[in-house]
Amino acid sequence: MLWSVVPEEFILENYDKQNYNWIEAEVNGVKMLVEPTEGQPGYGRIIRLLCPDPAQFLNPKHQPGQNVCLTKGP
């Protein structure tokens, strides 16, 4: 639901034409939507969590904007 004084046409203009480079990844057992970091292969920036566990949303390591390693260590 969208409540705004701005006409819907302006808010949703080109909404379906946006091209994001987001991927689904599982980091330490937590499923999330991540944007790969340019210049840092194997790392990404968290966009949003897709995990159903509410405790994960309170974990500061999983806040949107945090950088995470997308590769598994040795």
PDB file of N, CA and C in Angstrom:
ATOM      1  N   MET A   1       0.843  -1.159   0.000  1.00  0.00           N
ATOM      2  CA  MET A   1       0.000   0.000   0.000  1.00  0.00           C
ATOM      3  C   MET A   1       0.897   1.232   0.000  1.00  0.00           C
ATOM      4  N   LEU A   2       0.516   2.201  -0.775  1.00  0.00           N
ATOM      5  CA  LEU A   2       1.320   3.403  -0.935  1.00  0.00           C
ATOM      6  C   LEU A   2       0.483   4.623  -0.586  1.00  0.00           C
ATOM      7  N   TRP A   3       0.928   5.377   0.413  1.00  0.00           N
ATOM      8  CA  TRP A   3       0.241   6.599   0.810  1.00  0.00           C
ATOM      9  C   TRP A   3       1.168   7.765   0.553  1.00  0.00           C
ATOM     10  N   SER A   4       0.796   8.621  -0.387  1.00  0.00           N
ATOM     11  CA  SER A   4       1.646   9.755  -0.729  1.00  0.00           C
ATOM     12  C   SER A   4       0.820  10.820  -1.433  1.00  0.00           C
ATOM     13  N   VAL A   5       1.243  12.084  -1.291  1.00  0.00           N
ATOM     14  CA  VAL A   5       0.596  13.171  -2.022  1.00  0.00           C
ATOM     15  C   VAL A   5       1.147  13.260  -3.440  1.00  0.00           C
ATOM     16  N   VAL A   6       2.250  12.574  -3.695  1.00  0.00           N
ATOM     17  CA  VAL A   6       2.857  12.544  -5.024  1.00  0.00           C
ATOM     18  C   VAL A   6       2.063  11.559  -5.880  1.00  0.00           C
ATOM     19  N   PRO A   7       1.705  11.945  -7.102  1.00  0.00           N
ATOM     20  CA  PRO A   7       0.951  11.026  -7.962  1.00  0.00           C
ATOM     21  C   PRO A   7       1.695   9.711  -8.194  1.00  0.00           C
ATOM     22  N   GLU A   8       0.938   8.644  -8.231  1.00  0.00           N
ATOM     23  CA  GLU A   8       1.491   7.302  -8.386  1.00  0.00           C
ATOM     24  C   GLU A   8       2.342   7.173  -9.648  1.00  0.00           C
ATOM     25  N   GLU A   9       1.972   7.881 -10.712  1.00  0.00           N
ATOM     26  CA  GLU A   9       2.717   7.803 -11.966  1.00  0.00           C
ATOM     27  C   GLU A   9       4.160   8.268 -11.792  1.00  0.00           C
ATOM     28  N   PHE A  10       4.384   9.264 -10.946  1.00  0.00           N
ATOM     29  CA  PHE A  10       5.740   9.763 -10.716  1.00  0.00           C
ATOM     30  C   PHE A  10       6.557   8.805  -9.851  1.00  0.00           C
ATOM     31  N   ILE A  11       5.918   8.213  -8.876  1.00  0.00           N
ATOM     32  CA  ILE A  11       6.627   7.314  -7.966  1.00  0.00           C
ATOM     33  C   ILE A  11       7.037   6.028  -8.675  1.00  0.00           C
ATOM     34  N   LEU A  12       6.143   5.480  -9.476  1.00  0.00           N
ATOM     35  CA  LEU A  12       6.396   4.200 -10.122  1.00  0.00           C
ATOM     36  C   LEU A  12       6.949   4.332 -11.535  1.00  0.00           C
ATOM     37  N   GLU A  13       7.284   5.551 -11.953  1.00  0.00           N
ATOM     38  CA  GLU A  13       7.826   5.773 -13.286  1.00  0.00           C
ATOM     39  C   GLU A  13       9.140   5.002 -13.449  1.00  0.00           C
ATOM     40  N   ASN A  14       9.235   4.214 -14.491  1.00  0.00           N
ATOM     41  CA  ASN A  14      10.416   3.401 -14.812  1.00  0.00           C
ATOM     42  C   ASN A  14      10.732   2.346 -13.753  1.00  0.00           C
ATOM     43  N   TYR A  15       9.800   2.037 -12.880  1.00  0.00           N
ATOM     44  CA  TYR A  15      10.046   1.050 -11.827  1.00  0.00           C
ATOM     45  C   TYR A  15      10.410  -0.312 -12.413  1.00  0.00           C
ATOM     46  N   ASP A  16       9.714  -0.709 -13.467  1.00  0.00           N
ATOM     47  CA  ASP A  16       9.957  -2.018 -14.060  1.00  0.00           C
ATOM     48  C   ASP A  16      11.167  -2.034 -14.986  1.00  0.00           C
ATOM     49  N   LYS A  17      11.751  -0.892 -15.268  1.00  0.00           N
ATOM     50  CA  LYS A  17      12.896  -0.813 -16.173  1.00  0.00           C
ATOM     51  C   LYS A  17      14.227  -0.713 -15.434  1.00  0.00           C
ATOM     52  N   GLN A  18      14.193  -0.679 -14.119  1.00  0.00           N
ATOM     53  CA  GLN A  18      15.426  -0.575 -13.351  1.00  0.00           C
ATOM     54  C   GLN A  18      16.155  -1.909 -13.382  1.00  0.00           C
ATOM     55  N   ASN A  19      17.462  -1.840 -13.536  1.00  0.00           N
ATOM     56  CA  ASN A  19      18.276  -3.045 -13.630  1.00  0.00           C
ATOM     57  C   ASN A  19      19.259  -3.079 -12.459  1.00  0.00           C
ATOM     58  N   TYR A  20      18.975  -3.939 -11.503  1.00  0.00           N
ATOM     59  CA  TYR A  20      19.838  -4.064 -10.343  1.00  0.00           C
ATOM     60  C   TYR A  20      20.717  -5.294 -10.488  1.00  0.00           C
ATOM     61  N   ASN A  21      21.910  -5.213  -9.963  1.00  0.00           N
ATOM     62  CA  ASN A  21      22.855  -6.325 -10.018  1.00  0.00           C
ATOM     63  C   ASN A  21      22.862  -7.046  -8.669  1.00  0.00           C
ATOM     64  N   TRP A  22      21.681  -7.411  -8.184  1.00  0.00           N
ATOM     65  CA  TRP A  22      21.563  -8.052  -6.886  1.00  0.00           C
ATOM     66  C   TRP A  22      21.524  -9.564  -7.053  1.00  0.00           C
ATOM     67  N   ILE A  23      22.073 -10.255  -6.058  1.00  0.00           N
ATOM     68  CA  ILE A  23      22.041 -11.714  -6.068  1.00  0.00           C
ATOM     69  C   ILE A  23      21.556 -12.213  -4.709  1.00  0.00           C
ATOM     70  N   GLU A  24      20.959 -13.395  -4.709  1.00  0.00           N
ATOM     71  CA  GLU A  24      20.602 -14.047  -3.448  1.00  0.00           C
ATOM     72  C   GLU A  24      21.809 -14.836  -2.982  1.00  0.00           C
ATOM     73  N   ALA A  25      22.140 -14.686  -1.713  1.00  0.00           N
ATOM     74  CA  ALA A  25      23.291 -15.397  -1.158  1.00  0.00           C
ATOM     75  C   ALA A  25      22.945 -15.873   0.246  1.00  0.00           C
ATOM     76  N   GLU A  26      23.611 -16.932   0.660  1.00  0.00           N
ATOM     77  CA  GLU A  26      23.474 -17.412   2.030  1.00  0.00           C
ATOM     78  C   GLU A  26      24.823 -17.248   2.712  1.00  0.00           C
ATOM     79  N   VAL A  27      24.854 -16.394   3.726  1.00  0.00           N
ATOM     80  CA  VAL A  27      26.085 -16.098   4.453  1.00  0.00           C
ATOM     81  C   VAL A  27      25.887 -16.527   5.901  1.00  0.00           C
ATOM     82  N   ASN A  28      26.698 -17.468   6.352  1.00  0.00           N
ATOM     83  CA  ASN A  28      26.607 -18.008   7.719  1.00  0.00           C
ATOM     84  C   ASN A  28      25.200 -18.504   8.040  1.00  0.00           C
ATOM     85  N   GLY A  29      24.544 -19.125   7.065  1.00  0.00           N
ATOM     86  CA  GLY A  29      23.216 -19.686   7.277  1.00  0.00           C
ATOM     87  C   GLY A  29      22.082 -18.693   7.171  1.00  0.00           C
ATOM     88  N   VAL A  30      22.367 -17.449   6.806  1.00  0.00           N
ATOM     89  CA  VAL A  30      21.343 -16.415   6.694  1.00  0.00           C
ATOM     90  C   VAL A  30      21.184 -16.043   5.223  1.00  0.00           C
ATOM     91  N   LYS A  31      19.964 -16.218   4.705  1.00  0.00           N
ATOM     92  CA  LYS A  31      19.694 -15.896   3.306  1.00  0.00           C
ATOM     93  C   LYS A  31      19.459 -14.392   3.184  1.00  0.00           C
ATOM     94  N   MET A  32      20.120 -13.775   2.180  1.00  0.00           N
ATOM     95  CA  MET A  32      20.016 -12.325   2.014  1.00  0.00           C
ATOM     96  C   MET A  32      20.147 -11.929   0.556  1.00  0.00           C
ATOM     97  N   LEU A  33      19.714 -10.719   0.257  1.00  0.00           N
ATOM     98  CA  LEU A  33      19.875 -10.121  -1.058  1.00  0.00           C
ATOM     99  C   LEU A  33      21.090  -9.213  -0.977  1.00  0.00           C
ATOM    100  N   VAL A  34      22.060  -9.436  -1.883  1.00  0.00           N
ATOM    101  CA  VAL A  34      23.363  -8.771  -1.801  1.00  0.00           C
ATOM    102  C   VAL A  34      23.711  -8.141  -3.145  1.00  0.00           C
ATOM    103  N   GLU A  35      24.330  -6.966  -3.090  1.00  0.00           N
ATOM    104  CA  GLU A  35      24.860  -6.318  -4.288  1.00  0.00           C
ATOM    105  C   GLU A  35      26.368  -6.531  -4.298  1.00  0.00           C
ATOM    106  N   PRO A  36      26.902  -7.249  -5.300  1.00  0.00           N
ATOM    107  CA  PRO A  36      28.355  -7.469  -5.346  1.00  0.00           C
ATOM    108  C   PRO A  36      29.116  -6.142  -5.348  1.00  0.00           C
ATOM    109  N   THR A  37      30.222  -6.097  -4.609  1.00  0.00           N
ATOM    110  CA  THR A  37      31.030  -4.888  -4.490  1.00  0.00           C
ATOM    111  C   THR A  37      32.007  -4.805  -5.655  1.00  0.00           C
ATOM    112  N   GLU A  38      31.981  -3.671  -6.352  1.00  0.00           N
ATOM    113  CA  GLU A  38      32.917  -3.477  -7.462  1.00  0.00           C
ATOM    114  C   GLU A  38      34.327  -3.305  -6.916  1.00  0.00           C
ATOM    115  N   GLY A  39      35.281  -3.946  -7.544  1.00  0.00           N
ATOM    116  CA  GLY A  39      36.670  -3.830  -7.124  1.00  0.00           C
ATOM    117  C   GLY A  39      37.051  -4.757  -5.988  1.00  0.00           C
ATOM    118  N   GLN A  40      36.079  -5.464  -5.422  1.00  0.00           N
ATOM    119  CA  GLN A  40      36.347  -6.416  -4.343  1.00  0.00           C
ATOM    120  C   GLN A  40      35.649  -7.737  -4.658  1.00  0.00           C
ATOM    121  N   PRO A  41      36.252  -8.572  -5.497  1.00  0.00           N
ATOM    122  CA  PRO A  41      35.617  -9.853  -5.821  1.00  0.00           C
ATOM    123  C   PRO A  41      35.387 -10.695  -4.568  1.00  0.00           C
ATOM    124  N   GLY A  42      34.228 -11.324  -4.496  1.00  0.00           N
ATOM    125  CA  GLY A  42      33.922 -12.179  -3.353  1.00  0.00           C
ATOM    126  C   GLY A  42      33.280 -11.447  -2.193  1.00  0.00           C
ATOM    127  N   TYR A  43      33.035 -10.153  -2.336  1.00  0.00           N
ATOM    128  CA  TYR A  43      32.392  -9.369  -1.282  1.00  0.00           C
ATOM    129  C   TYR A  43      31.153  -8.687  -1.838  1.00  0.00           C
ATOM    130  N   GLY A  44      30.223  -8.376  -0.948  1.00  0.00           N
ATOM    131  CA  GLY A  44      29.010  -7.696  -1.360  1.00  0.00           C
ATOM    132  C   GLY A  44      28.428  -6.874  -0.230  1.00  0.00           C
ATOM    133  N   ARG A  45      27.488  -6.008  -0.590  1.00  0.00           N
ATOM    134  CA  ARG A  45      26.804  -5.133   0.366  1.00  0.00           C
ATOM    135  C   ARG A  45      25.386  -5.652   0.549  1.00  0.00           C
ATOM    136  N   ILE A  46      24.967  -5.813   1.793  1.00  0.00           N
ATOM    137  CA  ILE A  46      23.631  -6.339   2.087  1.00  0.00           C
ATOM    138  C   ILE A  46      22.575  -5.320   1.673  1.00  0.00           C
ATOM    139  N   ILE A  47      21.600  -5.781   0.903  1.00  0.00           N
ATOM    140  CA  ILE A  47      20.457  -4.959   0.516  1.00  0.00           C
ATOM    141  C   ILE A  47      19.299  -5.228   1.472  1.00  0.00           C
ATOM    142  N   ARG A  48      18.956  -6.514   1.650  1.00  0.00           N
ATOM    143  CA  ARG A  48      17.904  -6.888   2.599  1.00  0.00           C
ATOM    144  C   ARG A  48      18.043  -8.352   2.974  1.00  0.00           C
ATOM    145  N   LEU A  49      17.499  -8.693   4.126  1.00  0.00           N
ATOM    146  CA  LEU A  49      17.506 -10.089   4.571  1.00  0.00           C
ATOM    147  C   LEU A  49      16.273 -10.797   4.029  1.00  0.00           C
ATOM    148  N   LEU A  50      16.443 -12.049   3.662  1.00  0.00           N
ATOM    149  CA  LEU A  50      15.342 -12.885   3.193  1.00  0.00           C
ATOM    150  C   LEU A  50      15.056 -14.001   4.187  1.00  0.00           C
ATOM    151  N   CYS A  51      15.711 -13.955   5.317  1.00  0.00           N
ATOM    152  CA  CYS A  51      15.618 -14.974   6.360  1.00  0.00           C
ATOM    153  C   CYS A  51      14.330 -14.774   7.178  1.00  0.00           C
ATOM    154  N   PRO A  52      13.602 -15.858   7.498  1.00  0.00           N
ATOM    155  CA  PRO A  52      12.385 -15.713   8.294  1.00  0.00           C
ATOM    156  C   PRO A  52      12.631 -15.574   9.799  1.00  0.00           C
ATOM    157  N   ASP A  53      13.869 -15.738  10.257  1.00  0.00           N
ATOM    158  CA  ASP A  53      14.181 -15.672  11.689  1.00  0.00           C
ATOM    159  C   ASP A  53      14.286 -14.213  12.137  1.00  0.00           C
ATOM    160  N   PRO A  54      13.358 -13.741  12.983  1.00  0.00           N
ATOM    161  CA  PRO A  54      13.383 -12.340  13.407  1.00  0.00           C
ATOM    162  C   PRO A  54      14.642 -11.953  14.183  1.00  0.00           C
ATOM    163  N   ALA A  55      15.296 -12.903  14.826  1.00  0.00           N
ATOM    164  CA  ALA A  55      16.513 -12.597  15.584  1.00  0.00           C
ATOM    165  C   ALA A  55      17.627 -12.125  14.658  1.00  0.00           C
ATOM    166  N   GLN A  56      17.641 -12.597  13.419  1.00  0.00           N
ATOM    167  CA  GLN A  56      18.691 -12.196  12.482  1.00  0.00           C
ATOM    168  C   GLN A  56      18.578 -10.723  12.092  1.00  0.00           C
ATOM    169  N   PHE A  57      17.368 -10.176  12.130  1.00  0.00           N
ATOM    170  CA  PHE A  57      17.174  -8.769  11.795  1.00  0.00           C
ATOM    171  C   PHE A  57      17.755  -7.853  12.872  1.00  0.00           C
ATOM    172  N   LEU A  58      17.947  -8.374  14.080  1.00  0.00           N
ATOM    173  CA  LEU A  58      18.512  -7.591  15.178  1.00  0.00           C
ATOM    174  C   LEU A  58      20.031  -7.701  15.253  1.00  0.00           C
ATOM    175  N   ASN A  59      20.606  -8.595  14.480  1.00  0.00           N
ATOM    176  CA  ASN A  59      22.054  -8.789  14.475  1.00  0.00           C
ATOM    177  C   ASN A  59      22.716  -7.646  13.699  1.00  0.00           C
ATOM    178  N   PRO A  60      23.589  -6.858  14.348  1.00  0.00           N
ATOM    179  CA  PRO A  60      24.227  -5.725  13.664  1.00  0.00           C
ATOM    180  C   PRO A  60      25.065  -6.134  12.453  1.00  0.00           C
ATOM    181  N   LYS A  61      25.541  -7.377  12.428  1.00  0.00           N
ATOM    182  CA  LYS A  61      26.329  -7.850  11.285  1.00  0.00           C
ATOM    183  C   LYS A  61      25.476  -8.005  10.028  1.00  0.00           C
ATOM    184  N   HIS A  62      24.149  -8.076  10.210  1.00  0.00           N
ATOM    185  CA  HIS A  62      23.256  -8.314   9.082  1.00  0.00           C
ATOM    186  C   HIS A  62      22.433  -7.085   8.704  1.00  0.00           C
ATOM    187  N   GLN A  63      22.834  -5.920   9.143  1.00  0.00           N
ATOM    188  CA  GLN A  63      22.099  -4.707   8.790  1.00  0.00           C
ATOM    189  C   GLN A  63      22.349  -4.342   7.333  1.00  0.00           C
ATOM    190  N   PRO A  64      21.329  -3.836   6.633  1.00  0.00           N
ATOM    191  CA  PRO A  64      21.539  -3.384   5.259  1.00  0.00           C
ATOM    192  C   PRO A  64      22.662  -2.353   5.191  1.00  0.00           C
ATOM    193  N   GLY A  65      23.497  -2.496   4.164  1.00  0.00           N
ATOM    194  CA  GLY A  65      24.641  -1.606   3.994  1.00  0.00           C
ATOM    195  C   GLY A  65      25.944  -2.213   4.475  1.00  0.00           C
ATOM    196  N   GLN A  66      25.861  -3.265   5.299  1.00  0.00           N
ATOM    197  CA  GLN A  66      27.073  -3.925   5.784  1.00  0.00           C
ATOM    198  C   GLN A  66      27.704  -4.743   4.660  1.00  0.00           C
ATOM    199  N   ASN A  67      29.018  -4.818   4.659  1.00  0.00           N
ATOM    200  CA  ASN A  67      29.737  -5.640   3.687  1.00  0.00           C
ATOM    201  C   ASN A  67      29.914  -7.044   4.246  1.00  0.00           C
ATOM    202  N   VAL A  68      29.720  -8.040   3.372  1.00  0.00           N
ATOM    203  CA  VAL A  68      29.872  -9.438   3.772  1.00  0.00           C
ATOM    204  C   VAL A  68      30.730 -10.170   2.751  1.00  0.00           C
ATOM    205  N   CYS A  69      31.369 -11.219   3.209  1.00  0.00           N
ATOM    206  CA  CYS A  69      32.175 -12.071   2.334  1.00  0.00           C
ATOM    207  C   CYS A  69      31.250 -13.127   1.733  1.00  0.00           C
ATOM    208  N   LEU A  70      31.278 -13.254   0.416  1.00  0.00           N
ATOM    209  CA  LEU A  70      30.394 -14.191  -0.271  1.00  0.00           C
ATOM    210  C   LEU A  70      31.053 -15.531  -0.555  1.00  0.00           C
ATOM    211  N   THR A  71      32.332 -15.646  -0.246  1.00  0.00           N
ATOM    212  CA  THR A  71      33.040 -16.903  -0.484  1.00  0.00           C
ATOM    213  C   THR A  71      33.277 -17.611   0.839  1.00  0.00           C
ATOM    214  N   LYS A  72      33.313 -18.918   0.787  1.00  0.00           N
ATOM    215  CA  LYS A  72      33.558 -19.702   2.001  1.00  0.00           C
ATOM    216  C   LYS A  72      35.049 -19.766   2.265  1.00  0.00           C
ATOM    217  N   GLY A  73      35.407 -19.634   3.519  1.00  0.00           N
ATOM    218  CA  GLY A  73      36.809 -19.710   3.920  1.00  0.00           C
ATOM    219  C   GLY A  73      37.311 -21.138   3.925  1.00  0.00           C
ATOM    220  N   PRO A  74      38.611 -21.322   4.176  1.00  0.00           N
ATOM    221  CA  PRO A  74      39.182 -22.682   4.191  1.00  0.00           C
ATOM    222  C   PRO A  74      38.677 -23.502   5.355  1.00  0.00           C
TER     223      PRO A  74
END
